[in-house]
C-alpha atoms as a PDB file:
ATOM      1  CA  UNK A   1      -0.175  -0.122   0.198  1.00  0.00           C
ATOM      2  CA  UNK A   2       1.689   3.212  -1.037  1.00  0.00           C
ATOM      3  CA  UNK A   3       0.494   7.385   0.925  1.00  0.00           C
ATOM      4  CA  UNK A   4       1.531  10.517  -0.098  1.00  0.00           C
ATOM      5  CA  UNK A   5       1.781  12.848   3.416  1.00  0.00           C
ATOM      6  CA  UNK A   6       1.483  16.492   2.614  1.00  0.00           C
ATOM      7  CA  UNK A   7       2.998  18.979   5.086  1.00  0.00           C
ATOM      8  CA  UNK A   8       3.994  22.354   4.888  1.00  0.00           C
ATOM      9  CA  UNK A   9       0.455  24.279   4.703  1.00  0.00           C
ATOM     10  CA  UNK A  10      -0.946  27.421   6.672  1.00  0.00           C
ATOM     11  CA  UNK A  11      -1.193  30.881   6.682  1.00  0.00           C
ATOM     12  CA  UNK A  12       0.789  32.991   5.034  1.00  0.00           C
ATOM     13  CA  UNK A  13       1.155  36.505   4.501  1.00  0.00           C
ATOM     14  CA  UNK A  14       1.348  37.796   0.364  1.00  0.00           C
ATOM     15  CA  UNK A  15       5.238  38.985  -0.208  1.00  0.00           C
ATOM     16  CA  UNK A  16       5.868  35.885   1.776  1.00  0.00           C
ATOM     17  CA  UNK A  17       7.011  32.560   0.992  1.00  0.00           C
ATOM     18  CA  UNK A  18       6.148  28.976   2.371  1.00  0.00           C
ATOM     19  CA  UNK A  19       7.168  25.516   1.557  1.00  0.00           C
ATOM     20  CA  UNK A  20       5.064  22.217   1.130  1.00  0.00           C
ATOM     21  CA  UNK A  21       6.297  18.843   1.636  1.00  0.00           C
ATOM     22  CA  UNK A  22       4.945  14.667   0.238  1.00  0.00           C
ATOM     23  CA  UNK A  23       6.424  11.900   1.128  1.00  0.00           C
ATOM     24  CA  UNK A  24       5.720   9.106  -0.831  1.00  0.00           C
ATOM     25  CA  UNK A  25       5.967   6.048   1.285  1.00  0.00           C
ATOM     26  CA  UNK A  26       5.063   2.204   0.903  1.00  0.00           C
ATOM     27  CA  UNK A  27       6.191  -0.838  -1.708  1.00  0.00           C
ATOM     28  CA  UNK A  28       6.763   1.419  -4.363  1.00  0.00           C
ATOM     29  CA  UNK A  29       8.832   0.098  -6.783  1.00  0.00           C
ATOM     30  CA  UNK A  30      10.216   3.668  -8.888  1.00  0.00           C
ATOM     31  CA  UNK A  31       8.338   6.804  -9.415  1.00  0.00           C
ATOM     32  CA  UNK A  32       7.861   8.450 -12.583  1.00  0.00           C
ATOM     33  CA  UNK A  33       6.367  12.118 -11.786  1.00  0.00           C
ATOM     34  CA  UNK A  34       5.006  13.430  -8.969  1.00  0.00           C
ATOM     35  CA  UNK A  35       3.404  17.138  -8.367  1.00  0.00           C
ATOM     36  CA  UNK A  36       1.072  19.750  -6.929  1.00  0.00           C
ATOM     37  CA  UNK A  37      -1.974  20.066  -7.410  1.00  0.00           C
ATOM     38  CA  UNK A  38      -5.052  22.574  -6.367  1.00  0.00           C
ATOM     39  CA  UNK A  39      -8.538  22.989  -5.232  1.00  0.00           C
ATOM     40  CA  UNK A  40      -9.489  26.595  -4.457  1.00  0.00           C
ATOM     41  CA  UNK A  41     -13.464  26.154  -3.096  1.00  0.00           C
ATOM     42  CA  UNK A  42     -16.253  26.176  -5.356  1.00  0.00           C
ATOM     43  CA  UNK A  43     -13.269  25.546  -8.798  1.00  0.00           C
ATOM     44  CA  UNK A  44     -12.131  22.806  -9.882  1.00  0.00           C
ATOM     45  CA  UNK A  45      -8.942  20.944  -9.172  1.00  0.00           C
ATOM     46  CA  UNK A  46      -5.877  22.529 -11.259  1.00  0.00           C
ATOM     47  CA  UNK A  47      -2.169  20.879 -11.943  1.00  0.00           C
ATOM     48  CA  UNK A  48      -0.249  23.506 -10.481  1.00  0.00           C
ATOM     49  CA  UNK A  49       3.859  22.379 -10.922  1.00  0.00           C
ATOM     50  CA  UNK A  50       4.889  18.331 -11.846  1.00  0.00           C
ATOM     51  CA  UNK A  51       8.179  16.896 -12.384  1.00  0.00           C
ATOM     52  CA  UNK A  52       9.365  13.835 -13.510  1.00  0.00           C
ATOM     53  CA  UNK A  53      11.684  10.958 -12.558  1.00  0.00           C
ATOM     54  CA  UNK A  54      14.482  12.497 -14.682  1.00  0.00           C
ATOM     55  CA  UNK A  55      13.931  16.546 -13.604  1.00  0.00           C
ATOM     56  CA  UNK A  56      11.496  17.506 -16.525  1.00  0.00           C
ATOM     57  CA  UNK A  57       9.896  20.293 -14.671  1.00  0.00           C
ATOM     58  CA  UNK A  58       6.243  22.012 -15.794  1.00  0.00           C
ATOM     59  CA  UNK A  59       4.806  24.586 -14.275  1.00  0.00           C
ATOM     60  CA  UNK A  60       1.200  26.414 -14.674  1.00  0.00           C
ATOM     61  CA  UNK A  61       1.624  29.923 -16.218  1.00  0.00           C
ATOM     62  CA  UNK A  62      -0.112  31.564 -12.866  1.00  0.00           C
ATOM     63  CA  UNK A  63       2.256  31.017 -10.985  1.00  0.00           C
ATOM     64  CA  UNK A  64       5.642  30.600 -13.215  1.00  0.00           C
ATOM     65  CA  UNK A  65       8.638  32.656 -11.461  1.00  0.00           C
ATOM     66  CA  UNK A  66       6.966  32.605  -8.235  1.00  0.00           C
ATOM     67  CA  UNK A  67       6.740  28.212  -7.495  1.00  0.00           C
ATOM     68  CA  UNK A  68       9.664  26.216  -7.515  1.00  0.00           C
ATOM     69  CA  UNK A  69       8.975  22.059  -7.493  1.00  0.00           C
ATOM     70  CA  UNK A  70      11.948  19.850  -6.260  1.00  0.00           C
ATOM     71  CA  UNK A  71      12.266  16.779  -5.228  1.00  0.00           C
ATOM     72  CA  UNK A  72      14.066  14.111  -4.032  1.00  0.00           C
ATOM     73  CA  UNK A  73      14.638  10.898  -5.570  1.00  0.00           C
ATOM     74  CA  UNK A  74      16.124   9.030  -2.730  1.00  0.00           C
ATOM     75  CA  UNK A  75      13.685   9.751  -0.102  1.00  0.00           C
ATOM     76  CA  UNK A  76      10.411   9.696  -2.657  1.00  0.00           C
ATOM     77  CA  UNK A  77       9.941  13.070  -1.578  1.00  0.00           C
ATOM     78  CA  UNK A  78       8.569  16.197  -3.773  1.00  0.00           C
ATOM     79  CA  UNK A  79       8.074  20.180  -2.456  1.00  0.00           C
ATOM     80  CA  UNK A  80       7.153  23.614  -3.187  1.00  0.00           C
ATOM     81  CA  UNK A  81       8.423  26.758  -2.613  1.00  0.00           C
ATOM     82  CA  UNK A  82       5.929  28.522  -3.286  1.00  0.00           C
ATOM     83  CA  UNK A  83       6.953  32.806  -3.205  1.00  0.00           C
ATOM     84  CA  UNK A  84       5.362  36.008  -3.480  1.00  0.00           C
ATOM     85  CA  UNK A  85       2.557  34.029  -2.966  1.00  0.00           C
ATOM     86  CA  UNK A  86      -1.117  36.114  -3.617  1.00  0.00           C
ATOM     87  CA  UNK A  87      -4.484  35.398  -2.051  1.00  0.00           C
ATOM     88  CA  UNK A  88      -5.831  34.260  -4.888  1.00  0.00           C
ATOM     89  CA  UNK A  89      -3.328  31.348  -4.740  1.00  0.00           C
ATOM     90  CA  UNK A  90      -5.566  30.197  -1.442  1.00  0.00           C
ATOM     91  CA  UNK A  91      -6.295  26.622  -1.800  1.00  0.00           C
ATOM     92  CA  UNK A  92      -6.119  23.268  -0.864  1.00  0.00           C
ATOM     93  CA  UNK A  93      -2.815  21.852  -2.088  1.00  0.00           C
ATOM     94  CA  UNK A  94      -2.655  18.590  -3.212  1.00  0.00           C
ATOM     95  CA  UNK A  95       0.237  16.100  -3.835  1.00  0.00           C
ATOM     96  CA  UNK A  96       0.121  13.650  -6.580  1.00  0.00           C
ATOM     97  CA  UNK A  97       2.265  10.911  -8.000  1.00  0.00           C
ATOM     98  CA  UNK A  98       2.576   7.963 -10.172  1.00  0.00           C
ATOM     99  CA  UNK A  99       4.595   4.875  -8.687  1.00  0.00           C
ATOM    100  CA  UNK A 100       5.049   1.664 -10.139  1.00  0.00           C
ATOM    101  CA  UNK A 101       3.487  -0.749  -7.131  1.00  0.00           C
ATOM    102  CA  UNK A 102       4.235  -4.482  -8.069  1.00  0.00           C
ATOM    103  CA  UNK A 103       1.119  -4.530  -9.885  1.00  0.00           C
ATOM    104  CA  UNK A 104       1.283  -2.003 -11.838  1.00  0.00           C
ATOM    105  CA  UNK A 105       1.179   1.981 -12.392  1.00  0.00           C
ATOM    106  CA  UNK A 106      -1.394   3.414 -10.163  1.00  0.00           C
ATOM    107  CA  UNK A 107      -1.812   7.194  -9.537  1.00  0.00           C
ATOM    108  CA  UNK A 108      -2.038   8.200  -5.608  1.00  0.00           C
ATOM    109  CA  UNK A 109      -3.127  11.131  -4.126  1.00  0.00           C
ATOM    110  CA  UNK A 110      -2.236  12.971  -0.790  1.00  0.00           C
ATOM    111  CA  UNK A 111      -5.022  14.318   1.832  1.00  0.00           C
ATOM    112  CA  UNK A 112      -4.199  17.476   0.960  1.00  0.00           C
ATOM    113  CA  UNK A 113      -2.887  20.748   3.115  1.00  0.00           C
ATOM    114  CA  UNK A 114      -4.684  24.094   3.075  1.00  0.00           C
ATOM    115  CA  UNK A 115      -2.882  27.207   1.716  1.00  0.00           C
ATOM    116  CA  UNK A 116      -4.624  30.574   2.985  1.00  0.00           C
ATOM    117  CA  UNK A 117      -2.847  33.401   1.846  1.00  0.00           C
ATOM    118  CA  UNK A 118      -3.601  36.722   3.863  1.00  0.00           C
ATOM    119  CA  UNK A 119      -3.682  40.285   1.648  1.00  0.00           C
END
């Protein structure tokens, strides 16, 4: 069984910084991609940033230049550094991973961590 556990959410002032972390644990053969989605109240879940095991990154246009995704393959961990956050970044942030287990590839999600940006 695989679990993703996020940490680091909370209240941050606009213009400040915050770092989220997500650790994958369990029976993991390999990880293809890890990333972050977010869902604001009343809006659909959207991709924020992702990173492949080879280090290729992808960002939503709305966060480019302010958010940085990084990872530690040895620790099955992905980070999201949020710089200069804006009130519109307020959302529940979900960690995501495409993981190969003993059976096949599956998509896994964390439980979500709230990020609230005050103006």
